[in-house]
C-alpha atoms as a PDB file:
ATOM      1  CA  UNK A   1      45.210  -1.113   1.106  1.00  0.00           C
ATOM      2  CA  UNK A   2      45.134  -4.666  -0.560  1.00  0.00           C
ATOM      3  CA  UNK A   3      42.964  -5.889  -3.030  1.00  0.00           C
ATOM      4  CA  UNK A   4      39.805  -4.568  -3.910  1.00  0.00           C
ATOM      5  CA  UNK A   5      36.901  -6.512  -5.688  1.00  0.00           C
ATOM      6  CA  UNK A   6      33.182  -4.666  -6.390  1.00  0.00           C
ATOM      7  CA  UNK A   7      30.464  -6.284  -8.236  1.00  0.00           C
ATOM      8  CA  UNK A   8      27.286  -4.664  -8.778  1.00  0.00           C
ATOM      9  CA  UNK A   9      23.590  -6.480  -9.020  1.00  0.00           C
ATOM     10  CA  UNK A  10      20.239  -5.934  -9.470  1.00  0.00           C
ATOM     11  CA  UNK A  11      16.448  -7.107  -8.457  1.00  0.00           C
ATOM     12  CA  UNK A  12      13.352  -5.776  -9.560  1.00  0.00           C
ATOM     13  CA  UNK A  13       9.881  -6.316  -7.791  1.00  0.00           C
ATOM     14  CA  UNK A  14       6.135  -5.092  -8.508  1.00  0.00           C
ATOM     15  CA  UNK A  15       3.378  -4.302  -5.848  1.00  0.00           C
ATOM     16  CA  UNK A  16       0.289  -3.271  -6.593  1.00  0.00           C
ATOM     17  CA  UNK A  17      -1.462  -0.446  -4.849  1.00  0.00           C
ATOM     18  CA  UNK A  18      -5.080  -0.685  -2.815  1.00  0.00           C
ATOM     19  CA  UNK A  19      -7.639   1.652  -1.928  1.00  0.00           C
ATOM     20  CA  UNK A  20      -9.372   1.028   1.347  1.00  0.00           C
ATOM     21  CA  UNK A  21     -12.808   1.721   1.052  1.00  0.00           C
ATOM     22  CA  UNK A  22     -13.334   1.340   4.921  1.00  0.00           C
ATOM     23  CA  UNK A  23     -11.528   0.057   7.810  1.00  0.00           C
ATOM     24  CA  UNK A  24     -11.376  -0.053  11.423  1.00  0.00           C
ATOM     25  CA  UNK A  25      -8.412   0.328  13.521  1.00  0.00           C
ATOM     26  CA  UNK A  26      -7.316  -2.055  15.749  1.00  0.00           C
ATOM     27  CA  UNK A  27      -4.172  -1.258  18.250  1.00  0.00           C
ATOM     28  CA  UNK A  28      -1.929  -3.569  19.808  1.00  0.00           C
ATOM     29  CA  UNK A  29       1.105  -3.081  21.813  1.00  0.00           C
ATOM     30  CA  UNK A  30       2.894  -5.289  19.314  1.00  0.00           C
ATOM     31  CA  UNK A  31       3.107  -3.936  16.349  1.00  0.00           C
ATOM     32  CA  UNK A  32       3.014  -7.126  14.124  1.00  0.00           C
ATOM     33  CA  UNK A  33      -0.271  -7.792  15.616  1.00  0.00           C
ATOM     34  CA  UNK A  34      -1.538  -3.832  15.000  1.00  0.00           C
ATOM     35  CA  UNK A  35      -3.470  -3.040  12.093  1.00  0.00           C
ATOM     36  CA  UNK A  36      -6.709  -2.334  10.403  1.00  0.00           C
ATOM     37  CA  UNK A  37      -9.630  -4.358   9.970  1.00  0.00           C
ATOM     38  CA  UNK A  38     -11.871  -3.457   6.440  1.00  0.00           C
ATOM     39  CA  UNK A  39     -12.325  -3.700   2.780  1.00  0.00           C
ATOM     40  CA  UNK A  40     -10.323  -2.537  -0.034  1.00  0.00           C
ATOM     41  CA  UNK A  41      -9.674  -3.174  -3.735  1.00  0.00           C
ATOM     42  CA  UNK A  42      -6.353  -3.917  -5.139  1.00  0.00           C
ATOM     43  CA  UNK A  43      -5.300  -2.055  -8.471  1.00  0.00           C
ATOM     44  CA  UNK A  44      -2.862  -3.377 -11.298  1.00  0.00           C
ATOM     45  CA  UNK A  45      -1.057  -0.126 -11.267  1.00  0.00           C
ATOM     46  CA  UNK A  46       1.097   0.438  -8.350  1.00  0.00           C
ATOM     47  CA  UNK A  47       5.144   0.202  -8.359  1.00  0.00           C
ATOM     48  CA  UNK A  48       8.269  -1.094  -9.745  1.00  0.00           C
ATOM     49  CA  UNK A  49      11.331  -1.235  -7.385  1.00  0.00           C
ATOM     50  CA  UNK A  50      14.756  -1.803  -8.651  1.00  0.00           C
ATOM     51  CA  UNK A  51      17.144  -2.366  -6.004  1.00  0.00           C
ATOM     52  CA  UNK A  52      20.710  -2.693  -6.581  1.00  0.00           C
ATOM     53  CA  UNK A  53      24.175  -2.826  -4.295  1.00  0.00           C
ATOM     54  CA  UNK A  54      27.594  -2.883  -4.472  1.00  0.00           C
ATOM     55  CA  UNK A  55      29.341  -5.415  -2.501  1.00  0.00           C
ATOM     56  CA  UNK A  56      33.265  -4.163  -1.037  1.00  0.00           C
ATOM     57  CA  UNK A  57      34.647  -7.283   0.149  1.00  0.00           C
ATOM     58  CA  UNK A  58      37.605  -5.044   1.161  1.00  0.00           C
ATOM     59  CA  UNK A  59      35.436  -3.163   3.453  1.00  0.00           C
ATOM     60  CA  UNK A  60      33.877  -6.044   5.296  1.00  0.00           C
ATOM     61  CA  UNK A  61      32.286  -4.747   8.663  1.00  0.00           C
ATOM     62  CA  UNK A  62      32.168  -1.103   7.501  1.00  0.00           C
ATOM     63  CA  UNK A  63      28.324   0.346   7.913  1.00  0.00           C
ATOM     64  CA  UNK A  64      25.900  -0.312   4.793  1.00  0.00           C
ATOM     65  CA  UNK A  65      24.858   3.404   2.579  1.00  0.00           C
ATOM     66  CA  UNK A  66      21.428   3.300   1.638  1.00  0.00           C
ATOM     67  CA  UNK A  67      20.399   5.606  -1.276  1.00  0.00           C
ATOM     68  CA  UNK A  68      16.584   5.568  -1.914  1.00  0.00           C
ATOM     69  CA  UNK A  69      14.905   7.300  -4.671  1.00  0.00           C
ATOM     70  CA  UNK A  70      11.013   7.609  -5.338  1.00  0.00           C
ATOM     71  CA  UNK A  71      10.078   8.820  -8.858  1.00  0.00           C
ATOM     72  CA  UNK A  72      13.431   9.396  -9.827  1.00  0.00           C
ATOM     73  CA  UNK A  73      14.213  12.073  -6.635  1.00  0.00           C
ATOM     74  CA  UNK A  74      16.325  10.933  -3.681  1.00  0.00           C
ATOM     75  CA  UNK A  75      13.973  10.783  -0.528  1.00  0.00           C
ATOM     76  CA  UNK A  76      14.118  10.433   3.241  1.00  0.00           C
ATOM     77  CA  UNK A  77      11.174   7.807   2.848  1.00  0.00           C
ATOM     78  CA  UNK A  78      11.166   6.486   6.483  1.00  0.00           C
ATOM     79  CA  UNK A  79       8.968   3.660   5.114  1.00  0.00           C
ATOM     80  CA  UNK A  80      11.105   2.037   2.471  1.00  0.00           C
ATOM     81  CA  UNK A  81      13.993   2.829   4.812  1.00  0.00           C
ATOM     82  CA  UNK A  82      12.823   1.149   7.738  1.00  0.00           C
ATOM     83  CA  UNK A  83      12.680  -1.977   5.128  1.00  0.00           C
ATOM     84  CA  UNK A  84      16.281  -1.469   3.751  1.00  0.00           C
ATOM     85  CA  UNK A  85      18.064  -1.205   7.052  1.00  0.00           C
ATOM     86  CA  UNK A  86      16.187  -4.009   8.207  1.00  0.00           C
ATOM     87  CA  UNK A  87      17.074  -6.101   5.419  1.00  0.00           C
ATOM     88  CA  UNK A  88      20.634  -4.795   4.945  1.00  0.00           C
ATOM     89  CA  UNK A  89      21.018  -5.800   8.611  1.00  0.00           C
ATOM     90  CA  UNK A  90      20.323  -9.640   7.948  1.00  0.00           C
ATOM     91  CA  UNK A  91      23.471  -9.103   5.091  1.00  0.00           C
ATOM     92  CA  UNK A  92      25.691  -6.971   6.912  1.00  0.00           C
ATOM     93  CA  UNK A  93      27.310  -9.946   9.047  1.00  0.00           C
ATOM     94  CA  UNK A  94      28.301 -11.342   5.372  1.00  0.00           C
ATOM     95  CA  UNK A  95      29.557  -8.258   3.298  1.00  0.00           C
ATOM     96  CA  UNK A  96      29.388  -4.388   4.060  1.00  0.00           C
ATOM     97  CA  UNK A  97      26.901  -3.274   1.053  1.00  0.00           C
ATOM     98  CA  UNK A  98      25.973  -0.298  -0.660  1.00  0.00           C
ATOM     99  CA  UNK A  99      22.299  -0.359  -1.145  1.00  0.00           C
ATOM    100  CA  UNK A 100      19.840   1.916  -3.522  1.00  0.00           C
ATOM    101  CA  UNK A 101      16.424   1.391  -3.964  1.00  0.00           C
ATOM    102  CA  UNK A 102      14.707   3.353  -6.133  1.00  0.00           C
ATOM    103  CA  UNK A 103      10.660   2.906  -6.614  1.00  0.00           C
ATOM    104  CA  UNK A 104       8.436   4.191  -9.977  1.00  0.00           C
ATOM    105  CA  UNK A 105       5.173   4.848  -9.090  1.00  0.00           C
ATOM    106  CA  UNK A 106       2.129   4.445 -11.314  1.00  0.00           C
ATOM    107  CA  UNK A 107      -0.415   6.046  -9.002  1.00  0.00           C
ATOM    108  CA  UNK A 108      -0.228   9.139  -7.007  1.00  0.00           C
ATOM    109  CA  UNK A 109       1.659   9.472  -3.679  1.00  0.00           C
ATOM    110  CA  UNK A 110      -0.676  10.294  -0.514  1.00  0.00           C
ATOM    111  CA  UNK A 111      -3.913   9.798  -2.241  1.00  0.00           C
ATOM    112  CA  UNK A 112      -4.760   6.750  -0.414  1.00  0.00           C
ATOM    113  CA  UNK A 113      -4.061   4.380  -2.982  1.00  0.00           C
ATOM    114  CA  UNK A 114      -1.354   2.340  -0.316  1.00  0.00           C
ATOM    115  CA  UNK A 115       1.591   3.916  -2.464  1.00  0.00           C
ATOM    116  CA  UNK A 116       3.951   3.690   0.926  1.00  0.00           C
ATOM    117  CA  UNK A 117       2.835  -0.314   1.449  1.00  0.00           C
ATOM    118  CA  UNK A 118       3.496  -0.823  -2.035  1.00  0.00           C
ATOM    119  CA  UNK A 119       6.843   0.667  -1.931  1.00  0.00           C
ATOM    120  CA  UNK A 120       7.896  -1.340   1.333  1.00  0.00           C
ATOM    121  CA  UNK A 121       6.466  -4.394   0.025  1.00  0.00           C
ATOM    122  CA  UNK A 122       8.314  -4.409  -3.521  1.00  0.00           C
ATOM    123  CA  UNK A 123      11.344  -3.418  -1.419  1.00  0.00           C
ATOM    124  CA  UNK A 124      11.252  -5.925   0.662  1.00  0.00           C
ATOM    125  CA  UNK A 125      10.887  -8.914  -1.951  1.00  0.00           C
ATOM    126  CA  UNK A 126      13.891  -6.979  -4.472  1.00  0.00           C
ATOM    127  CA  UNK A 127      15.810  -7.123  -1.588  1.00  0.00           C
ATOM    128  CA  UNK A 128      15.149 -10.719  -0.159  1.00  0.00           C
ATOM    129  CA  UNK A 129      16.055 -11.647  -4.041  1.00  0.00           C
ATOM    130  CA  UNK A 130      18.859  -9.421  -4.187  1.00  0.00           C
ATOM    131  CA  UNK A 131      20.965 -10.469  -1.181  1.00  0.00           C
ATOM    132  CA  UNK A 132      19.543 -14.135  -1.206  1.00  0.00           C
ATOM    133  CA  UNK A 133      18.086 -13.985   1.887  1.00  0.00           C
ATOM    134  CA  UNK A 134      15.888 -16.974   1.389  1.00  0.00           C
ATOM    135  CA  UNK A 135      13.158 -15.812   3.460  1.00  0.00           C
ATOM    136  CA  UNK A 136       9.032 -16.542   2.428  1.00  0.00           C
ATOM    137  CA  UNK A 137       6.566 -14.053   1.163  1.00  0.00           C
ATOM    138  CA  UNK A 138       5.294 -14.082   4.954  1.00  0.00           C
ATOM    139  CA  UNK A 139       8.113 -13.025   6.193  1.00  0.00           C
ATOM    140  CA  UNK A 140       8.932  -9.964   3.596  1.00  0.00           C
ATOM    141  CA  UNK A 141       5.563  -8.697   4.048  1.00  0.00           C
ATOM    142  CA  UNK A 142       5.614  -8.851   7.583  1.00  0.00           C
ATOM    143  CA  UNK A 143       8.682  -6.626   7.467  1.00  0.00           C
ATOM    144  CA  UNK A 144       6.782  -4.396   5.103  1.00  0.00           C
ATOM    145  CA  UNK A 145       3.662  -4.230   7.413  1.00  0.00           C
ATOM    146  CA  UNK A 146       6.243  -3.426  10.534  1.00  0.00           C
ATOM    147  CA  UNK A 147       7.632  -0.414   8.419  1.00  0.00           C
ATOM    148  CA  UNK A 148       4.446   0.946   7.814  1.00  0.00           C
ATOM    149  CA  UNK A 149       3.337   0.319  11.333  1.00  0.00           C
ATOM    150  CA  UNK A 150       6.344   1.951  12.807  1.00  0.00           C
ATOM    151  CA  UNK A 151       5.724   5.146  10.687  1.00  0.00           C
ATOM    152  CA  UNK A 152       2.251   5.711  10.759  1.00  0.00           C
ATOM    153  CA  UNK A 153       2.036   5.206   7.129  1.00  0.00           C
ATOM    154  CA  UNK A 154      -0.540   2.625   6.884  1.00  0.00           C
ATOM    155  CA  UNK A 155      -1.908  -0.515   8.433  1.00  0.00           C
ATOM    156  CA  UNK A 156      -3.753  -2.806   6.562  1.00  0.00           C
ATOM    157  CA  UNK A 157      -2.552  -2.040   2.481  1.00  0.00           C
ATOM    158  CA  UNK A 158       0.437  -4.633   2.564  1.00  0.00           C
ATOM    159  CA  UNK A 159      -1.550  -7.864   3.360  1.00  0.00           C
ATOM    160  CA  UNK A 160      -3.703  -6.585   0.738  1.00  0.00           C
ATOM    161  CA  UNK A 161      -1.335  -6.098  -1.890  1.00  0.00           C
ATOM    162  CA  UNK A 162       0.186  -8.979  -0.837  1.00  0.00           C
ATOM    163  CA  UNK A 163      -2.314 -11.449  -2.436  1.00  0.00           C
ATOM    164  CA  UNK A 164      -4.910  -9.187  -4.907  1.00  0.00           C
ATOM    165  CA  UNK A 165      -8.654  -9.049  -5.336  1.00  0.00           C
ATOM    166  CA  UNK A 166     -11.108  -7.327  -3.671  1.00  0.00           C
ATOM    167  CA  UNK A 167     -10.053  -7.967   0.333  1.00  0.00           C
ATOM    168  CA  UNK A 168     -12.021  -8.052   3.251  1.00  0.00           C
ATOM    169  CA  UNK A 169      -9.464  -8.348   5.642  1.00  0.00           C
ATOM    170  CA  UNK A 170     -11.006  -9.851   9.042  1.00  0.00           C
ATOM    171  CA  UNK A 171      -8.114  -9.819  11.304  1.00  0.00           C
ATOM    172  CA  UNK A 172      -5.358  -6.984  11.538  1.00  0.00           C
ATOM    173  CA  UNK A 173      -1.718  -7.703  10.623  1.00  0.00           C
ATOM    174  CA  UNK A 174       0.357  -8.911   7.773  1.00  0.00           C
ATOM    175  CA  UNK A 175       0.367 -12.379   5.942  1.00  0.00           C
ATOM    176  CA  UNK A 176       1.041 -14.948   8.876  1.00  0.00           C
ATOM    177  CA  UNK A 177      -1.017 -13.021  11.413  1.00  0.00           C
ATOM    178  CA  UNK A 178      -3.665 -11.220   9.457  1.00  0.00           C
ATOM    179  CA  UNK A 179      -7.017 -12.998   7.939  1.00  0.00           C
ATOM    180  CA  UNK A 180      -8.599 -11.898   4.604  1.00  0.00           C
ATOM    181  CA  UNK A 181     -11.104 -13.233   2.664  1.00  0.00           C
ATOM    182  CA  UNK A 182     -11.790 -12.127  -0.873  1.00  0.00           C
ATOM    183  CA  UNK A 183     -15.323 -11.193  -2.798  1.00  0.00           C
ATOM    184  CA  UNK A 184     -15.838 -12.999  -6.242  1.00  0.00           C
ATOM    185  CA  UNK A 185     -15.824 -10.563  -8.766  1.00  0.00           C
ATOM    186  CA  UNK A 186     -15.051  -9.576 -12.698  1.00  0.00           C
ATOM    187  CA  UNK A 187     -11.786  -7.626 -13.550  1.00  0.00           C
ATOM    188  CA  UNK A 188     -13.295  -4.364 -13.623  1.00  0.00           C
ATOM    189  CA  UNK A 189     -12.168  -1.078 -14.145  1.00  0.00           C
ATOM    190  CA  UNK A 190     -11.807   1.501 -11.676  1.00  0.00           C
ATOM    191  CA  UNK A 191     -11.771   5.160 -12.266  1.00  0.00           C
ATOM    192  CA  UNK A 192     -10.425   7.751  -9.809  1.00  0.00           C
ATOM    193  CA  UNK A 193      -9.954  11.548  -9.476  1.00  0.00           C
ATOM    194  CA  UNK A 194      -7.517  12.908  -7.390  1.00  0.00           C
ATOM    195  CA  UNK A 195      -7.982  16.121  -5.354  1.00  0.00           C
ATOM    196  CA  UNK A 196      -5.076  16.118  -3.299  1.00  0.00           C
ATOM    197  CA  UNK A 197      -3.083  14.352  -0.775  1.00  0.00           C
ATOM    198  CA  UNK A 198      -3.266  13.627   2.862  1.00  0.00           C
ATOM    199  CA  UNK A 199      -1.248  12.436   5.970  1.00  0.00           C
ATOM    200  CA  UNK A 200      -2.306   9.029   7.314  1.00  0.00           C
ATOM    201  CA  UNK A 201       0.125   9.899  10.154  1.00  0.00           C
ATOM    202  CA  UNK A 202      -2.331  13.111  10.718  1.00  0.00           C
ATOM    203  CA  UNK A 203      -5.363  10.566  11.373  1.00  0.00           C
ATOM    204  CA  UNK A 204      -3.807   7.657  13.017  1.00  0.00           C
ATOM    205  CA  UNK A 205      -2.696  10.194  16.189  1.00  0.00           C
ATOM    206  CA  UNK A 206      -5.748  12.123  16.664  1.00  0.00           C
ATOM    207  CA  UNK A 207      -8.224   9.959  19.167  1.00  0.00           C
ATOM    208  CA  UNK A 208     -11.525  11.605  18.479  1.00  0.00           C
ATOM    209  CA  UNK A 209     -11.303  10.871  15.306  1.00  0.00           C
ATOM    210  CA  UNK A 210      -9.880   6.887  15.756  1.00  0.00           C
ATOM    211  CA  UNK A 211     -13.202   6.384  17.826  1.00  0.00           C
ATOM    212  CA  UNK A 212     -15.393   8.198  14.994  1.00  0.00           C
ATOM    213  CA  UNK A 213     -13.481   5.737  12.412  1.00  0.00           C
ATOM    214  CA  UNK A 214     -14.074   2.755  14.294  1.00  0.00           C
ATOM    215  CA  UNK A 215     -17.364   3.316  14.711  1.00  0.00           C
ATOM    216  CA  UNK A 216     -18.428   3.373  11.209  1.00  0.00           C
ATOM    217  CA  UNK A 217     -16.221   0.933  10.282  1.00  0.00           C
ATOM    218  CA  UNK A 218     -17.806  -1.509  12.614  1.00  0.00           C
ATOM    219  CA  UNK A 219     -20.988  -0.834  10.970  1.00  0.00           C
ATOM    220  CA  UNK A 220     -19.199  -1.016   7.416  1.00  0.00           C
ATOM    221  CA  UNK A 221     -18.009  -4.352   8.165  1.00  0.00           C
ATOM    222  CA  UNK A 222     -21.339  -6.110  10.010  1.00  0.00           C
ATOM    223  CA  UNK A 223     -23.016  -4.711   6.516  1.00  0.00           C
ATOM    224  CA  UNK A 224     -20.704  -6.131   4.049  1.00  0.00           C
ATOM    225  CA  UNK A 225     -20.164  -9.518   5.732  1.00  0.00           C
ATOM    226  CA  UNK A 226     -24.267  -9.919   5.298  1.00  0.00           C
ATOM    227  CA  UNK A 227     -23.641  -9.576   1.662  1.00  0.00           C
ATOM    228  CA  UNK A 228     -20.097  -9.887   0.141  1.00  0.00           C
ATOM    229  CA  UNK A 229     -20.348  -8.397  -3.210  1.00  0.00           C
ATOM    230  CA  UNK A 230     -18.454  -5.376  -5.145  1.00  0.00           C
ATOM    231  CA  UNK A 231     -21.804  -3.593  -5.652  1.00  0.00           C
ATOM    232  CA  UNK A 232     -21.935  -3.641  -1.871  1.00  0.00           C
ATOM    233  CA  UNK A 233     -18.585  -3.011  -1.302  1.00  0.00           C
ATOM    234  CA  UNK A 234     -19.197   0.417  -3.099  1.00  0.00           C
ATOM    235  CA  UNK A 235     -22.218   1.092  -0.968  1.00  0.00           C
ATOM    236  CA  UNK A 236     -20.847   0.232   2.084  1.00  0.00           C
ATOM    237  CA  UNK A 237     -18.064   2.546   1.677  1.00  0.00           C
ATOM    238  CA  UNK A 238     -19.935   5.518   0.325  1.00  0.00           C
ATOM    239  CA  UNK A 239     -21.849   5.303   3.939  1.00  0.00           C
ATOM    240  CA  UNK A 240     -18.805   4.908   5.560  1.00  0.00           C
ATOM    241  CA  UNK A 241     -17.054   7.726   3.877  1.00  0.00           C
ATOM    242  CA  UNK A 242     -19.912  10.103   4.793  1.00  0.00           C
ATOM    243  CA  UNK A 243     -20.327   9.067   8.236  1.00  0.00           C
ATOM    244  CA  UNK A 244     -16.638   8.938   9.232  1.00  0.00           C
ATOM    245  CA  UNK A 245     -16.354  12.847   8.254  1.00  0.00           C
ATOM    246  CA  UNK A 246     -12.811  11.908   7.077  1.00  0.00           C
ATOM    247  CA  UNK A 247     -13.450  13.414   3.390  1.00  0.00           C
ATOM    248  CA  UNK A 248     -13.211  16.690   2.185  1.00  0.00           C
ATOM    249  CA  UNK A 249     -16.057  18.796   0.489  1.00  0.00           C
ATOM    250  CA  UNK A 250     -15.000  18.123  -2.690  1.00  0.00           C
ATOM    251  CA  UNK A 251     -15.061  14.276  -2.235  1.00  0.00           C
ATOM    252  CA  UNK A 252     -18.390  14.605  -0.705  1.00  0.00           C
ATOM    253  CA  UNK A 253     -19.465  17.068  -3.727  1.00  0.00           C
ATOM    254  CA  UNK A 254     -18.186  14.157  -6.360  1.00  0.00           C
ATOM    255  CA  UNK A 255     -19.403  11.255  -4.783  1.00  0.00           C
ATOM    256  CA  UNK A 256     -23.212  13.120  -4.368  1.00  0.00           C
ATOM    257  CA  UNK A 257     -22.640  14.321  -8.537  1.00  0.00           C
ATOM    258  CA  UNK A 258     -22.041  10.478  -9.078  1.00  0.00           C
ATOM    259  CA  UNK A 259     -25.019   9.267  -7.369  1.00  0.00           C
ATOM    260  CA  UNK A 260     -27.146  11.400  -9.071  1.00  0.00           C
ATOM    261  CA  UNK A 261     -26.321   9.807 -12.457  1.00  0.00           C
ATOM    262  CA  UNK A 262     -27.455   6.711 -10.766  1.00  0.00           C
ATOM    263  CA  UNK A 263     -23.934   5.031  -9.761  1.00  0.00           C
ATOM    264  CA  UNK A 264     -21.976   4.779  -6.721  1.00  0.00           C
ATOM    265  CA  UNK A 265     -18.846   6.280  -5.601  1.00  0.00           C
ATOM    266  CA  UNK A 266     -16.906   6.518  -2.655  1.00  0.00           C
ATOM    267  CA  UNK A 267     -13.664   8.041  -1.174  1.00  0.00           C
ATOM    268  CA  UNK A 268     -10.390   6.017  -0.901  1.00  0.00           C
ATOM    269  CA  UNK A 269      -9.166   5.976   2.780  1.00  0.00           C
ATOM    270  CA  UNK A 270      -7.135   7.775   4.202  1.00  0.00           C
ATOM    271  CA  UNK A 271      -6.458  10.156   1.404  1.00  0.00           C
ATOM    272  CA  UNK A 272      -8.322  13.000  -1.020  1.00  0.00           C
ATOM    273  CA  UNK A 273      -9.237  10.573  -3.881  1.00  0.00           C
ATOM    274  CA  UNK A 274     -12.968   9.509  -4.711  1.00  0.00           C
ATOM    275  CA  UNK A 275     -13.258   6.072  -6.699  1.00  0.00           C
ATOM    276  CA  UNK A 276     -15.999   4.493  -8.782  1.00  0.00           C
ATOM    277  CA  UNK A 277     -16.454   1.204 -10.904  1.00  0.00           C
ATOM    278  CA  UNK A 278     -16.534   1.190 -14.547  1.00  0.00           C
ATOM    279  CA  UNK A 279     -16.706   4.728 -16.198  1.00  0.00           C
ATOM    280  CA  UNK A 280     -18.415   8.182 -14.382  1.00  0.00           C
ATOM    281  CA  UNK A 281     -19.025  11.381 -16.931  1.00  0.00           C
ATOM    282  CA  UNK A 282     -20.246  12.952 -13.739  1.00  0.00           C
ATOM    283  CA  UNK A 283     -16.793  12.242 -12.192  1.00  0.00           C
ATOM    284  CA  UNK A 284     -14.827  14.096 -15.545  1.00  0.00           C
ATOM    285  CA  UNK A 285     -16.544  17.068 -14.293  1.00  0.00           C
ATOM    286  CA  UNK A 286     -14.273  16.793 -10.988  1.00  0.00           C
ATOM    287  CA  UNK A 287     -10.795  16.680 -12.818  1.00  0.00           C
ATOM    288  CA  UNK A 288      -8.476  14.463 -14.797  1.00  0.00           C
ATOM    289  CA  UNK A 289     -10.136  10.618 -14.309  1.00  0.00           C
ATOM    290  CA  UNK A 290      -7.257   7.956 -13.842  1.00  0.00           C
ATOM    291  CA  UNK A 291      -7.929   4.213 -14.575  1.00  0.00           C
ATOM    292  CA  UNK A 292      -6.819   0.902 -13.348  1.00  0.00           C
ATOM    293  CA  UNK A 293      -7.934  -2.928 -13.480  1.00  0.00           C
ATOM    294  CA  UNK A 294      -8.514  -4.494 -10.544  1.00  0.00           C
ATOM    295  CA  UNK A 295      -5.438  -6.641 -10.000  1.00  0.00           C
ATOM    296  CA  UNK A 296      -6.190 -10.535  -9.723  1.00  0.00           C
ATOM    297  CA  UNK A 297      -2.397 -10.817  -8.418  1.00  0.00           C
ATOM    298  CA  UNK A 298      -0.309  -9.579  -5.469  1.00  0.00           C
ATOM    299  CA  UNK A 299       3.363  -8.303  -5.123  1.00  0.00           C
ATOM    300  CA  UNK A 300       5.884 -10.546  -7.139  1.00  0.00           C
ATOM    301  CA  UNK A 301       9.658 -10.557  -8.869  1.00  0.00           C
ATOM    302  CA  UNK A 302      10.084  -9.040 -12.367  1.00  0.00           C
ATOM    303  CA  UNK A 303      13.044  -9.638 -14.721  1.00  0.00           C
ATOM    304  CA  UNK A 304      13.684  -6.229 -15.671  1.00  0.00           C
ATOM    305  CA  UNK A 305      12.258  -2.864 -14.616  1.00  0.00           C
ATOM    306  CA  UNK A 306       8.779  -2.068 -16.212  1.00  0.00           C
ATOM    307  CA  UNK A 307       5.874  -0.838 -14.706  1.00  0.00           C
ATOM    308  CA  UNK A 308       2.079  -2.748 -15.601  1.00  0.00           C
END
């Protein structure tokens, strides 16, 4: 059999999550230019990914074996798998690798908090470091964006999660293609209640729904650009959530209850979640209130596995 030498190494990375308040879908034949424009808030709570591999130098040339875990459970996770396949493929010409990617989320998955984008982005960062690929943040984020677009799990979360803040996405696409601006703000707390999950894919393949979204999204962008403040973002997002008809009755009831107490709430797109700046007594009547502060930073490396 010959000599076999195995080594194991690890890399850790963090990505914030992202709430989209409103958006407009922009299609393109080139998936790198496909995405959305709109507005959103990046949250400190997101995910941490641990990537590890075994280098088996004796079995050089064999195909990589990949294992992906989400919150401790092995999953198919096609968006993350796209990232792993792409980056492991760049490494395989040197060595055969067995890749294990394990992502722990501080936010619910499928609730409109950009979890799939965060998972893809943190995975791409961790593997870039682990495999010594020497790719830039822009190159890494582009792969995460492609993973989202190709799997219909998101359109604009990755570029926001790359940088942090309260983001206006003015041109679709990942870093290097898309263009963003940010709204000045204090590092305030965001409170939210999750009513359930919703698959982004189901909305993105419905042409009639996409037309309705885009009409509402264009108007929302015009209104926000006229007055780019956090308060106006909330008002514009609330109007979008009601006019786009994307929200459930529970979301609508919660938004109206918060309005009755004198505050502004909106729904996270695309998900069954209502959010508000600061605290809301009215929101507490609708379920468990979760909290996160606005993140001032985007995805980054970590020295060990610890969630923010």
